[in-house]
Amino acid sequence: MAVLWLRFLTEIAEDTIEAPAELMENEATRKALGLVEKSAMTEGQLYAYERFWMSVVDERIIREAAVKKGYNEGWEKGKMEGLYFAARNMKQLGLPITDIAKATGLSEKVIANL
């Protein structure tokens, strides 16, 4: 680890464009390189950098919410399809509509139309 820090201190300068792969592979030196990069930014660049990462986080939150919403909608749709299927089968077996409504939670009108 000491060798990596020595390389960091001796090889990273104002004109460094790309850090050596060994420094990027280590978490501690990778974080230090990120801090050096951030500290070299102007106020405007830093603002743009922060806005970019905020938009990335916002996009991730929106995507996760959409996936969760789609999952919940799919779950509800599947649950309802299962209830309709069960009600239709109970109706074909000749069970009274009132009993089917009690068992499934569907209205008697919906069951009558199946």
PDB file of N, CA and C in Angstrom:
ATOM      1  N   MET A   1       0.830  -1.194   0.000  1.00  0.00           N
ATOM      2  CA  MET A   1       0.000   0.000   0.000  1.00  0.00           C
ATOM      3  C   MET A   1       0.872   1.255   0.000  1.00  0.00           C
ATOM      4  N   ALA A   2       1.974   1.194   0.729  1.00  0.00           N
ATOM      5  CA  ALA A   2       2.870   2.355   0.780  1.00  0.00           C
ATOM      6  C   ALA A   2       3.398   2.692  -0.607  1.00  0.00           C
ATOM      7  N   VAL A   3       3.662   1.665  -1.405  1.00  0.00           N
ATOM      8  CA  VAL A   3       4.170   1.895  -2.763  1.00  0.00           C
ATOM      9  C   VAL A   3       3.124   2.624  -3.605  1.00  0.00           C
ATOM     10  N   LEU A   4       1.849   2.234  -3.450  1.00  0.00           N
ATOM     11  CA  LEU A   4       0.785   2.907  -4.202  1.00  0.00           C
ATOM     12  C   LEU A   4       0.693   4.379  -3.815  1.00  0.00           C
ATOM     13  N   TRP A   5       0.795   4.682  -2.518  1.00  0.00           N
ATOM     14  CA  TRP A   5       0.713   6.075  -2.083  1.00  0.00           C
ATOM     15  C   TRP A   5       1.925   6.870  -2.558  1.00  0.00           C
ATOM     16  N   LEU A   6       3.086   6.236  -2.580  1.00  0.00           N
ATOM     17  CA  LEU A   6       4.272   6.924  -3.108  1.00  0.00           C
ATOM     18  C   LEU A   6       4.091   7.229  -4.590  1.00  0.00           C
ATOM     19  N   ARG A   7       3.539   6.269  -5.330  1.00  0.00           N
ATOM     20  CA  ARG A   7       3.265   6.503  -6.751  1.00  0.00           C
ATOM     21  C   ARG A   7       2.244   7.625  -6.912  1.00  0.00           C
ATOM     22  N   PHE A   8       1.231   7.620  -6.059  1.00  0.00           N
ATOM     23  CA  PHE A   8       0.217   8.664  -6.114  1.00  0.00           C
ATOM     24  C   PHE A   8       0.868  10.034  -5.911  1.00  0.00           C
ATOM     25  N   LEU A   9       1.715  10.147  -4.906  1.00  0.00           N
ATOM     26  CA  LEU A   9       2.338  11.424  -4.576  1.00  0.00           C
ATOM     27  C   LEU A   9       3.353  11.876  -5.623  1.00  0.00           C
ATOM     28  N   THR A  10       3.990  10.934  -6.290  1.00  0.00           N
ATOM     29  CA  THR A  10       5.034  11.311  -7.243  1.00  0.00           C
ATOM     30  C   THR A  10       4.555  11.374  -8.692  1.00  0.00           C
ATOM     31  N   GLU A  11       3.525  10.627  -9.042  1.00  0.00           N
ATOM     32  CA  GLU A  11       3.101  10.554 -10.440  1.00  0.00           C
ATOM     33  C   GLU A  11       1.917  11.448 -10.784  1.00  0.00           C
ATOM     34  N   ILE A  12       1.138  11.856  -9.808  1.00  0.00           N
ATOM     35  CA  ILE A  12      -0.039  12.677 -10.083  1.00  0.00           C
ATOM     36  C   ILE A  12       0.348  14.151  -9.952  1.00  0.00           C
ATOM     37  N   ALA A  13       0.179  14.885 -11.038  1.00  0.00           N
ATOM     38  CA  ALA A  13       0.530  16.304 -11.069  1.00  0.00           C
ATOM     39  C   ALA A  13      -0.561  17.064 -11.825  1.00  0.00           C
ATOM     40  N   GLU A  14      -0.387  18.370 -11.949  1.00  0.00           N
ATOM     41  CA  GLU A  14      -1.375  19.209 -12.627  1.00  0.00           C
ATOM     42  C   GLU A  14      -1.644  18.766 -14.063  1.00  0.00           C
ATOM     43  N   ASP A  15      -0.620  18.247 -14.718  1.00  0.00           N
ATOM     44  CA  ASP A  15      -0.760  17.887 -16.125  1.00  0.00           C
ATOM     45  C   ASP A  15      -1.147  16.417 -16.331  1.00  0.00           C
ATOM     46  N   THR A  16      -1.444  15.701 -15.265  1.00  0.00           N
ATOM     47  CA  THR A  16      -1.848  14.296 -15.386  1.00  0.00           C
ATOM     48  C   THR A  16      -3.235  14.229 -16.011  1.00  0.00           C
ATOM     49  N   ILE A  17      -3.324  13.488 -17.092  1.00  0.00           N
ATOM     50  CA  ILE A  17      -4.603  13.344 -17.793  1.00  0.00           C
ATOM     51  C   ILE A  17      -5.276  12.036 -17.401  1.00  0.00           C
ATOM     52  N   GLU A  18      -4.465  10.992 -17.298  1.00  0.00           N
ATOM     53  CA  GLU A  18      -5.008   9.676 -16.970  1.00  0.00           C
ATOM     54  C   GLU A  18      -4.144   9.047 -15.889  1.00  0.00           C
ATOM     55  N   ALA A  19      -4.789   8.565 -14.842  1.00  0.00           N
ATOM     56  CA  ALA A  19      -4.064   7.947 -13.733  1.00  0.00           C
ATOM     57  C   ALA A  19      -3.673   6.520 -14.101  1.00  0.00           C
ATOM     58  N   PRO A  20      -2.555   6.029 -13.572  1.00  0.00           N
ATOM     59  CA  PRO A  20      -2.155   4.646 -13.824  1.00  0.00           C
ATOM     60  C   PRO A  20      -3.225   3.666 -13.334  1.00  0.00           C
ATOM     61  N   ALA A  21      -3.353   2.576 -14.034  1.00  0.00           N
ATOM     62  CA  ALA A  21      -4.385   1.578 -13.721  1.00  0.00           C
ATOM     63  C   ALA A  21      -4.267   1.061 -12.292  1.00  0.00           C
ATOM     64  N   GLU A  22      -3.040   0.899 -11.786  1.00  0.00           N
ATOM     65  CA  GLU A  22      -2.841   0.366 -10.436  1.00  0.00           C
ATOM     66  C   GLU A  22      -3.458   1.295  -9.389  1.00  0.00           C
ATOM     67  N   LEU A  23      -3.394   2.599  -9.624  1.00  0.00           N
ATOM     68  CA  LEU A  23      -3.981   3.545  -8.681  1.00  0.00           C
ATOM     69  C   LEU A  23      -5.510   3.533  -8.761  1.00  0.00           C
ATOM     70  N   MET A  24      -6.031   3.284  -9.941  1.00  0.00           N
ATOM     71  CA  MET A  24      -7.478   3.238 -10.112  1.00  0.00           C
ATOM     72  C   MET A  24      -8.082   1.947  -9.563  1.00  0.00           C
ATOM     73  N   GLU A  25      -7.292   0.887  -9.505  1.00  0.00           N
ATOM     74  CA  GLU A  25      -7.793  -0.399  -9.015  1.00  0.00           C
ATOM     75  C   GLU A  25      -7.957  -0.409  -7.504  1.00  0.00           C
ATOM     76  N   ASN A  26      -7.187   0.408  -6.794  1.00  0.00           N
ATOM     77  CA  ASN A  26      -7.252   0.437  -5.340  1.00  0.00           C
ATOM     78  C   ASN A  26      -8.295   1.466  -4.905  1.00  0.00           C
ATOM     79  N   GLU A  27      -9.195   1.061  -4.012  1.00  0.00           N
ATOM     80  CA  GLU A  27     -10.297   1.936  -3.611  1.00  0.00           C
ATOM     81  C   GLU A  27      -9.810   3.237  -2.966  1.00  0.00           C
ATOM     82  N   ALA A  28      -8.826   3.148  -2.079  1.00  0.00           N
ATOM     83  CA  ALA A  28      -8.350   4.343  -1.367  1.00  0.00           C
ATOM     84  C   ALA A  28      -7.701   5.342  -2.326  1.00  0.00           C
ATOM     85  N   THR A  29      -6.831   4.875  -3.216  1.00  0.00           N
ATOM     86  CA  THR A  29      -6.177   5.801  -4.138  1.00  0.00           C
ATOM     87  C   THR A  29      -7.165   6.302  -5.203  1.00  0.00           C
ATOM     88  N   ARG A  30      -8.153   5.462  -5.555  1.00  0.00           N
ATOM     89  CA  ARG A  30      -9.182   5.892  -6.514  1.00  0.00           C
ATOM     90  C   ARG A  30      -9.994   7.044  -5.912  1.00  0.00           C
ATOM     91  N   LYS A  31     -10.339   6.945  -4.618  1.00  0.00           N
ATOM     92  CA  LYS A  31     -11.067   8.029  -3.952  1.00  0.00           C
ATOM     93  C   LYS A  31     -10.210   9.295  -3.892  1.00  0.00           C
ATOM     94  N   ALA A  32      -8.931   9.112  -3.586  1.00  0.00           N
ATOM     95  CA  ALA A  32      -8.026  10.265  -3.519  1.00  0.00           C
ATOM     96  C   ALA A  32      -7.918  10.942  -4.880  1.00  0.00           C
ATOM     97  N   LEU A  33      -7.873  10.165  -5.945  1.00  0.00           N
ATOM     98  CA  LEU A  33      -7.822  10.734  -7.294  1.00  0.00           C
ATOM     99  C   LEU A  33      -9.094  11.509  -7.606  1.00  0.00           C
ATOM    100  N   GLY A  34     -10.224  10.994  -7.137  1.00  0.00           N
ATOM    101  CA  GLY A  34     -11.486  11.705  -7.339  1.00  0.00           C
ATOM    102  C   GLY A  34     -11.489  13.046  -6.624  1.00  0.00           C
ATOM    103  N   LEU A  35     -10.942  13.070  -5.420  1.00  0.00           N
ATOM    104  CA  LEU A  35     -10.869  14.325  -4.672  1.00  0.00           C
ATOM    105  C   LEU A  35      -9.930  15.325  -5.342  1.00  0.00           C
ATOM    106  N   VAL A  36      -8.808  14.812  -5.862  1.00  0.00           N
ATOM    107  CA  VAL A  36      -7.871  15.691  -6.562  1.00  0.00           C
ATOM    108  C   VAL A  36      -8.548  16.278  -7.801  1.00  0.00           C
ATOM    109  N   GLU A  37      -9.266  15.436  -8.525  1.00  0.00           N
ATOM    110  CA  GLU A  37      -9.955  15.898  -9.728  1.00  0.00           C
ATOM    111  C   GLU A  37     -10.996  16.967  -9.371  1.00  0.00           C
ATOM    112  N   LYS A  38     -11.772  16.720  -8.306  1.00  0.00           N
ATOM    113  CA  LYS A  38     -12.783  17.681  -7.884  1.00  0.00           C
ATOM    114  C   LYS A  38     -12.161  19.002  -7.441  1.00  0.00           C
ATOM    115  N   SER A  39     -11.036  18.922  -6.723  1.00  0.00           N
ATOM    116  CA  SER A  39     -10.418  20.142  -6.199  1.00  0.00           C
ATOM    117  C   SER A  39      -9.828  21.005  -7.313  1.00  0.00           C
ATOM    118  N   ALA A  40      -9.573  20.409  -8.480  1.00  0.00           N
ATOM    119  CA  ALA A  40      -9.002  21.163  -9.594  1.00  0.00           C
ATOM    120  C   ALA A  40     -10.073  21.878 -10.416  1.00  0.00           C
ATOM    121  N   MET A  41     -11.349  21.654 -10.091  1.00  0.00           N
ATOM    122  CA  MET A  41     -12.437  22.241 -10.873  1.00  0.00           C
ATOM    123  C   MET A  41     -12.699  23.680 -10.453  1.00  0.00           C
ATOM    124  N   THR A  42     -13.150  24.460 -11.423  1.00  0.00           N
ATOM    125  CA  THR A  42     -13.611  25.810 -11.124  1.00  0.00           C
ATOM    126  C   THR A  42     -14.978  25.697 -10.451  1.00  0.00           C
ATOM    127  N   GLU A  43     -15.479  26.800  -9.927  1.00  0.00           N
ATOM    128  CA  GLU A  43     -16.779  26.778  -9.270  1.00  0.00           C
ATOM    129  C   GLU A  43     -17.876  26.357 -10.250  1.00  0.00           C
ATOM    130  N   GLY A  44     -17.807  26.850 -11.474  1.00  0.00           N
ATOM    131  CA  GLY A  44     -18.793  26.486 -12.498  1.00  0.00           C
ATOM    132  C   GLY A  44     -18.718  25.020 -12.881  1.00  0.00           C
ATOM    133  N   GLN A  45     -17.498  24.505 -13.019  1.00  0.00           N
ATOM    134  CA  GLN A  45     -17.328  23.094 -13.349  1.00  0.00           C
ATOM    135  C   GLN A  45     -17.841  22.210 -12.215  1.00  0.00           C
ATOM    136  N   LEU A  46     -17.549  22.617 -10.978  1.00  0.00           N
ATOM    137  CA  LEU A  46     -17.994  21.852  -9.818  1.00  0.00           C
ATOM    138  C   LEU A  46     -19.527  21.842  -9.749  1.00  0.00           C
ATOM    139  N   TYR A  47     -20.143  22.981 -10.045  1.00  0.00           N
ATOM    140  CA  TYR A  47     -21.604  23.063 -10.063  1.00  0.00           C
ATOM    141  C   TYR A  47     -22.169  22.109 -11.119  1.00  0.00           C
ATOM    142  N   ALA A  48     -21.590  22.127 -12.316  1.00  0.00           N
ATOM    143  CA  ALA A  48     -22.052  21.247 -13.400  1.00  0.00           C
ATOM    144  C   ALA A  48     -21.848  19.777 -13.029  1.00  0.00           C
ATOM    145  N   TYR A  49     -20.732  19.482 -12.398  1.00  0.00           N
ATOM    146  CA  TYR A  49     -20.415  18.117 -11.959  1.00  0.00           C
ATOM    147  C   TYR A  49     -21.457  17.644 -10.949  1.00  0.00           C
ATOM    148  N   GLU A  50     -21.765  18.478  -9.962  1.00  0.00           N
ATOM    149  CA  GLU A  50     -22.750  18.116  -8.944  1.00  0.00           C
ATOM    150  C   GLU A  50     -24.133  17.959  -9.557  1.00  0.00           C
ATOM    151  N   ARG A  51     -24.502  18.843 -10.473  1.00  0.00           N
ATOM    152  CA  ARG A  51     -25.805  18.743 -11.140  1.00  0.00           C
ATOM    153  C   ARG A  51     -25.907  17.452 -11.951  1.00  0.00           C
ATOM    154  N   PHE A  52     -24.801  17.081 -12.604  1.00  0.00           N
ATOM    155  CA  PHE A  52     -24.800  15.841 -13.375  1.00  0.00           C
ATOM    156  C   PHE A  52     -25.099  14.653 -12.469  1.00  0.00           C
ATOM    157  N   TRP A  53     -24.402  14.557 -11.341  1.00  0.00           N
ATOM    158  CA  TRP A  53     -24.598  13.415 -10.444  1.00  0.00           C
ATOM    159  C   TRP A  53     -25.966  13.452  -9.782  1.00  0.00           C
ATOM    160  N   MET A  54     -26.492  14.657  -9.539  1.00  0.00           N
ATOM    161  CA  MET A  54     -27.849  14.748  -9.004  1.00  0.00           C
ATOM    162  C   MET A  54     -28.859  14.225 -10.023  1.00  0.00           C
ATOM    163  N   SER A  55     -28.633  14.513 -11.309  1.00  0.00           N
ATOM    164  CA  SER A  55     -29.542  14.019 -12.344  1.00  0.00           C
ATOM    165  C   SER A  55     -29.444  12.501 -12.488  1.00  0.00           C
ATOM    166  N   VAL A  56     -28.240  11.960 -12.305  1.00  0.00           N
ATOM    167  CA  VAL A  56     -28.071  10.502 -12.352  1.00  0.00           C
ATOM    168  C   VAL A  56     -28.862   9.851 -11.215  1.00  0.00           C
ATOM    169  N   VAL A  57     -28.756  10.410 -10.029  1.00  0.00           N
ATOM    170  CA  VAL A  57     -29.489   9.879  -8.873  1.00  0.00           C
ATOM    171  C   VAL A  57     -30.996  10.016  -9.099  1.00  0.00           C
ATOM    172  N   ASP A  58     -31.429  11.184  -9.587  1.00  0.00           N
ATOM    173  CA  ASP A  58     -32.856  11.388  -9.860  1.00  0.00           C
ATOM    174  C   ASP A  58     -33.374  10.363 -10.860  1.00  0.00           C
ATOM    175  N   GLU A  59     -32.609  10.139 -11.913  1.00  0.00           N
ATOM    176  CA  GLU A  59     -33.024   9.172 -12.935  1.00  0.00           C
ATOM    177  C   GLU A  59     -33.136   7.773 -12.346  1.00  0.00           C
ATOM    178  N   ARG A  60     -32.189   7.407 -11.498  1.00  0.00           N
ATOM    179  CA  ARG A  60     -32.215   6.089 -10.866  1.00  0.00           C
ATOM    180  C   ARG A  60     -33.446   5.952  -9.971  1.00  0.00           C
ATOM    181  N   ILE A  61     -33.766   7.002  -9.209  1.00  0.00           N
ATOM    182  CA  ILE A  61     -34.936   6.966  -8.325  1.00  0.00           C
ATOM    183  C   ILE A  61     -36.212   6.833  -9.153  1.00  0.00           C
ATOM    184  N   ILE A  62     -36.306   7.600 -10.239  1.00  0.00           N
ATOM    185  CA  ILE A  62     -37.489   7.540 -11.099  1.00  0.00           C
ATOM    186  C   ILE A  62     -37.627   6.158 -11.726  1.00  0.00           C
ATOM    187  N   ARG A  63     -36.502   5.602 -12.193  1.00  0.00           N
ATOM    188  CA  ARG A  63     -36.540   4.271 -12.808  1.00  0.00           C
ATOM    189  C   ARG A  63     -36.984   3.216 -11.801  1.00  0.00           C
ATOM    190  N   GLU A  64     -36.439   3.279 -10.592  1.00  0.00           N
ATOM    191  CA  GLU A  64     -36.814   2.303  -9.559  1.00  0.00           C
ATOM    192  C   GLU A  64     -38.285   2.436  -9.194  1.00  0.00           C
ATOM    193  N   ALA A  65     -38.790   3.671  -9.127  1.00  0.00           N
ATOM    194  CA  ALA A  65     -40.205   3.885  -8.821  1.00  0.00           C
ATOM    195  C   ALA A  65     -41.083   3.320  -9.936  1.00  0.00           C
ATOM    196  N   ALA A  66     -40.662   3.506 -11.183  1.00  0.00           N
ATOM    197  CA  ALA A  66     -41.438   2.988 -12.318  1.00  0.00           C
ATOM    198  C   ALA A  66     -41.462   1.461 -12.309  1.00  0.00           C
ATOM    199  N   VAL A  67     -40.327   0.857 -11.998  1.00  0.00           N
ATOM    200  CA  VAL A  67     -40.261  -0.611 -11.935  1.00  0.00           C
ATOM    201  C   VAL A  67     -41.165  -1.120 -10.820  1.00  0.00           C
ATOM    202  N   LYS A  68     -41.100  -0.459  -9.651  1.00  0.00           N
ATOM    203  CA  LYS A  68     -41.935  -0.870  -8.526  1.00  0.00           C
ATOM    204  C   LYS A  68     -43.413  -0.717  -8.865  1.00  0.00           C
ATOM    205  N   LYS A  69     -43.769   0.414  -9.515  1.00  0.00           N
ATOM    206  CA  LYS A  69     -45.158   0.645  -9.907  1.00  0.00           C
ATOM    207  C   LYS A  69     -45.613  -0.432 -10.880  1.00  0.00           C
ATOM    208  N   GLY A  70     -44.774  -0.740 -11.868  1.00  0.00           N
ATOM    209  CA  GLY A  70     -45.115  -1.776 -12.837  1.00  0.00           C
ATOM    210  C   GLY A  70     -45.271  -3.135 -12.182  1.00  0.00           C
ATOM    211  N   TYR A  71     -44.405  -3.435 -11.216  1.00  0.00           N
ATOM    212  CA  TYR A  71     -44.502  -4.706 -10.489  1.00  0.00           C
ATOM    213  C   TYR A  71     -45.822  -4.771  -9.731  1.00  0.00           C
ATOM    214  N   ASN A  72     -46.143  -3.683  -9.016  1.00  0.00           N
ATOM    215  CA  ASN A  72     -47.383  -3.664  -8.227  1.00  0.00           C
ATOM    216  C   ASN A  72     -48.613  -3.765  -9.123  1.00  0.00           C
ATOM    217  N   GLU A  73     -48.586  -3.055 -10.265  1.00  0.00           N
ATOM    218  CA  GLU A  73     -49.720  -3.134 -11.189  1.00  0.00           C
ATOM    219  C   GLU A  73     -49.849  -4.543 -11.759  1.00  0.00           C
ATOM    220  N   GLY A  74     -48.725  -5.153 -12.100  1.00  0.00           N
ATOM    221  CA  GLY A  74     -48.743  -6.522 -12.612  1.00  0.00           C
ATOM    222  C   GLY A  74     -49.241  -7.509 -11.576  1.00  0.00           C
ATOM    223  N   TRP A  75     -48.823  -7.291 -10.337  1.00  0.00           N
ATOM    224  CA  TRP A  75     -49.254  -8.166  -9.243  1.00  0.00           C
ATOM    225  C   TRP A  75     -50.775  -8.068  -9.078  1.00  0.00           C
ATOM    226  N   GLU A  76     -51.300  -6.843  -9.050  1.00  0.00           N
ATOM    227  CA  GLU A  76     -52.739  -6.644  -8.899  1.00  0.00           C
ATOM    228  C   GLU A  76     -53.513  -7.257 -10.072  1.00  0.00           C
ATOM    229  N   LYS A  77     -52.987  -7.053 -11.279  1.00  0.00           N
ATOM    230  CA  LYS A  77     -53.658  -7.603 -12.462  1.00  0.00           C
ATOM    231  C   LYS A  77     -53.686  -9.127 -12.388  1.00  0.00           C
ATOM    232  N   GLY A  78     -52.564  -9.721 -12.012  1.00  0.00           N
ATOM    233  CA  GLY A  78     -52.504 -11.177 -11.889  1.00  0.00           C
ATOM    234  C   GLY A  78     -53.429 -11.699 -10.809  1.00  0.00           C
ATOM    235  N   LYS A  79     -53.499 -10.966  -9.701  1.00  0.00           N
ATOM    236  CA  LYS A  79     -54.386 -11.361  -8.610  1.00  0.00           C
ATOM    237  C   LYS A  79     -55.840 -11.333  -9.077  1.00  0.00           C
ATOM    238  N   MET A  80     -56.219 -10.277  -9.781  1.00  0.00           N
ATOM    239  CA  MET A  80     -57.596 -10.166 -10.268  1.00  0.00           C
ATOM    240  C   MET A  80     -57.902 -11.262 -11.287  1.00  0.00           C
ATOM    241  N   GLU A  81     -56.959 -11.535 -12.182  1.00  0.00           N
ATOM    242  CA  GLU A  81     -57.174 -12.601 -13.165  1.00  0.00           C
ATOM    243  C   GLU A  81     -57.386 -13.940 -12.463  1.00  0.00           C
ATOM    244  N   GLY A  82     -56.621 -14.162 -11.394  1.00  0.00           N
ATOM    245  CA  GLY A  82     -56.775 -15.393 -10.612  1.00  0.00           C
ATOM    246  C   GLY A  82     -58.141 -15.473  -9.958  1.00  0.00           C
ATOM    247  N   LEU A  83     -58.615 -14.339  -9.435  1.00  0.00           N
ATOM    248  CA  LEU A  83     -59.950 -14.322  -8.820  1.00  0.00           C
ATOM    249  C   LEU A  83     -61.036 -14.595  -9.857  1.00  0.00           C
ATOM    250  N   TYR A  84     -60.908 -13.971 -11.022  1.00  0.00           N
ATOM    251  CA  TYR A  84     -61.891 -14.211 -12.089  1.00  0.00           C
ATOM    252  C   TYR A  84     -61.879 -15.674 -12.525  1.00  0.00           C
ATOM    253  N   PHE A  85     -60.695 -16.231 -12.644  1.00  0.00           N
ATOM    254  CA  PHE A  85     -60.566 -17.637 -13.050  1.00  0.00           C
ATOM    255  C   PHE A  85     -61.231 -18.546 -12.019  1.00  0.00           C
ATOM    256  N   ALA A  86     -60.940 -18.299 -10.730  1.00  0.00           N
ATOM    257  CA  ALA A  86     -61.526 -19.119  -9.668  1.00  0.00           C
ATOM    258  C   ALA A  86     -63.042 -18.963  -9.636  1.00  0.00           C
ATOM    259  N   ALA A  87     -63.513 -17.728  -9.772  1.00  0.00           N
ATOM    260  CA  ALA A  87     -64.963 -17.485  -9.746  1.00  0.00           C
ATOM    261  C   ALA A  87     -65.646 -18.177 -10.914  1.00  0.00           C
ATOM    262  N   ARG A  88     -65.037 -18.100 -12.088  1.00  0.00           N
ATOM    263  CA  ARG A  88     -65.618 -18.748 -13.273  1.00  0.00           C
ATOM    264  C   ARG A  88     -65.705 -20.268 -13.047  1.00  0.00           C
ATOM    265  N   ASN A  89     -64.650 -20.856 -12.483  1.00  0.00           N
ATOM    266  CA  ASN A  89     -64.662 -22.297 -12.216  1.00  0.00           C
ATOM    267  C   ASN A  89     -65.726 -22.662 -11.180  1.00  0.00           C
ATOM    268  N   MET A  90     -65.859 -21.848 -10.118  1.00  0.00           N
ATOM    269  CA  MET A  90     -66.871 -22.130  -9.096  1.00  0.00           C
ATOM    270  C   MET A  90     -68.268 -22.017  -9.688  1.00  0.00           C
ATOM    271  N   LYS A  91     -68.445 -21.043 -10.580  1.00  0.00           N
ATOM    272  CA  LYS A  91     -69.742 -20.856 -11.233  1.00  0.00           C
ATOM    273  C   LYS A  91     -70.071 -22.065 -12.113  1.00  0.00           C
ATOM    274  N   GLN A  92     -69.060 -22.577 -12.837  1.00  0.00           N
ATOM    275  CA  GLN A  92     -69.265 -23.757 -13.688  1.00  0.00           C
ATOM    276  C   GLN A  92     -69.574 -24.994 -12.850  1.00  0.00           C
ATOM    277  N   LEU A  93     -69.070 -25.015 -11.608  1.00  0.00           N
ATOM    278  CA  LEU A  93     -69.364 -26.137 -10.710  1.00  0.00           C
ATOM    279  C   LEU A  93     -70.761 -26.036 -10.105  1.00  0.00           C
ATOM    280  N   GLY A  94     -71.432 -24.911 -10.346  1.00  0.00           N
ATOM    281  CA  GLY A  94     -72.808 -24.745  -9.879  1.00  0.00           C
ATOM    282  C   GLY A  94     -72.932 -24.149  -8.489  1.00  0.00           C
ATOM    283  N   LEU A  95     -71.857 -23.565  -7.955  1.00  0.00           N
ATOM    284  CA  LEU A  95     -71.953 -22.935  -6.643  1.00  0.00           C
ATOM    285  C   LEU A  95     -72.797 -21.672  -6.735  1.00  0.00           C
ATOM    286  N   PRO A  96     -73.539 -21.357  -5.685  1.00  0.00           N
ATOM    287  CA  PRO A  96     -74.354 -20.133  -5.701  1.00  0.00           C
ATOM    288  C   PRO A  96     -73.475 -18.883  -5.818  1.00  0.00           C
ATOM    289  N   ILE A  97     -73.984 -17.904  -6.561  1.00  0.00           N
ATOM    290  CA  ILE A  97     -73.235 -16.663  -6.804  1.00  0.00           C
ATOM    291  C   ILE A  97     -72.908 -15.965  -5.488  1.00  0.00           C
ATOM    292  N   THR A  98     -73.822 -16.019  -4.536  1.00  0.00           N
ATOM    293  CA  THR A  98     -73.556 -15.354  -3.240  1.00  0.00           C
ATOM    294  C   THR A  98     -72.360 -15.985  -2.538  1.00  0.00           C
ATOM    295  N   ASP A  99     -72.237 -17.314  -2.620  1.00  0.00           N
ATOM    296  CA  ASP A  99     -71.091 -17.996  -1.998  1.00  0.00           C
ATOM    297  C   ASP A  99     -69.789 -17.667  -2.732  1.00  0.00           C
ATOM    298  N   ILE A 100     -69.867 -17.589  -4.055  1.00  0.00           N
ATOM    299  CA  ILE A 100     -68.684 -17.245  -4.853  1.00  0.00           C
ATOM    300  C   ILE A 100     -68.226 -15.828  -4.506  1.00  0.00           C
ATOM    301  N   ALA A 101     -69.183 -14.919  -4.353  1.00  0.00           N
ATOM    302  CA  ALA A 101     -68.857 -13.531  -4.003  1.00  0.00           C
ATOM    303  C   ALA A 101     -68.172 -13.478  -2.639  1.00  0.00           C
ATOM    304  N   LYS A 102     -68.670 -14.254  -1.681  1.00  0.00           N
ATOM    305  CA  LYS A 102     -68.051 -14.287  -0.352  1.00  0.00           C
ATOM    306  C   LYS A 102     -66.635 -14.847  -0.421  1.00  0.00           C
ATOM    307  N   ALA A 103     -66.429 -15.875  -1.224  1.00  0.00           N
ATOM    308  CA  ALA A 103     -65.124 -16.540  -1.307  1.00  0.00           C
ATOM    309  C   ALA A 103     -64.088 -15.695  -2.047  1.00  0.00           C
ATOM    310  N   THR A 104     -64.512 -14.964  -3.060  1.00  0.00           N
ATOM    311  CA  THR A 104     -63.556 -14.228  -3.899  1.00  0.00           C
ATOM    312  C   THR A 104     -63.475 -12.737  -3.596  1.00  0.00           C
ATOM    313  N   GLY A 105     -64.545 -12.188  -3.012  1.00  0.00           N
ATOM    314  CA  GLY A 105     -64.579 -10.747  -2.794  1.00  0.00           C
ATOM    315  C   GLY A 105     -65.066  -9.977  -4.012  1.00  0.00           C
ATOM    316  N   LEU A 106     -65.392 -10.686  -5.087  1.00  0.00           N
ATOM    317  CA  LEU A 106     -65.941 -10.046  -6.276  1.00  0.00           C
ATOM    318  C   LEU A 106     -67.414  -9.779  -6.065  1.00  0.00           C
ATOM    319  N   SER A 107     -67.937  -8.799  -6.791  1.00  0.00           N
ATOM    320  CA  SER A 107     -69.375  -8.494  -6.650  1.00  0.00           C
ATOM    321  C   SER A 107     -70.199  -9.552  -7.378  1.00  0.00           C
ATOM    322  N   GLU A 108     -71.436  -9.690  -6.926  1.00  0.00           N
ATOM    323  CA  GLU A 108     -72.324 -10.664  -7.564  1.00  0.00           C
ATOM    324  C   GLU A 108     -72.578 -10.305  -9.015  1.00  0.00           C
ATOM    325  N   LYS A 109     -72.621  -9.005  -9.328  1.00  0.00           N
ATOM    326  CA  LYS A 109     -72.831  -8.553 -10.703  1.00  0.00           C
ATOM    327  C   LYS A 109     -71.673  -8.999 -11.598  1.00  0.00           C
ATOM    328  N   VAL A 110     -70.425  -8.842 -11.111  1.00  0.00           N
ATOM    329  CA  VAL A 110     -69.257  -9.256 -11.894  1.00  0.00           C
ATOM    330  C   VAL A 110     -69.291 -10.757 -12.119  1.00  0.00           C
ATOM    331  N   ILE A 111     -69.630 -11.504 -11.067  1.00  0.00           N
ATOM    332  CA  ILE A 111     -69.659 -12.972 -11.185  1.00  0.00           C
ATOM    333  C   ILE A 111     -70.750 -13.427 -12.153  1.00  0.00           C
ATOM    334  N   ALA A 112     -71.893 -12.755 -12.112  1.00  0.00           N
ATOM    335  CA  ALA A 112     -72.991 -13.100 -13.022  1.00  0.00           C
ATOM    336  C   ALA A 112     -72.585 -12.890 -14.472  1.00  0.00           C
ATOM    337  N   ASN A 113     -71.693 -11.918 -14.740  1.00  0.00           N
ATOM    338  CA  ASN A 113     -71.268 -11.636 -16.115  1.00  0.00           C
ATOM    339  C   ASN A 113     -70.121 -12.519 -16.603  1.00  0.00           C
ATOM    340  N   LEU A 114     -69.593 -13.363 -15.733  1.00  0.00           N
ATOM    341  CA  LEU A 114     -68.473 -14.232 -16.148  1.00  0.00           C
ATOM    342  C   LEU A 114     -68.956 -15.363 -17.014  1.00  0.00           C
TER     343      LEU A 114
END
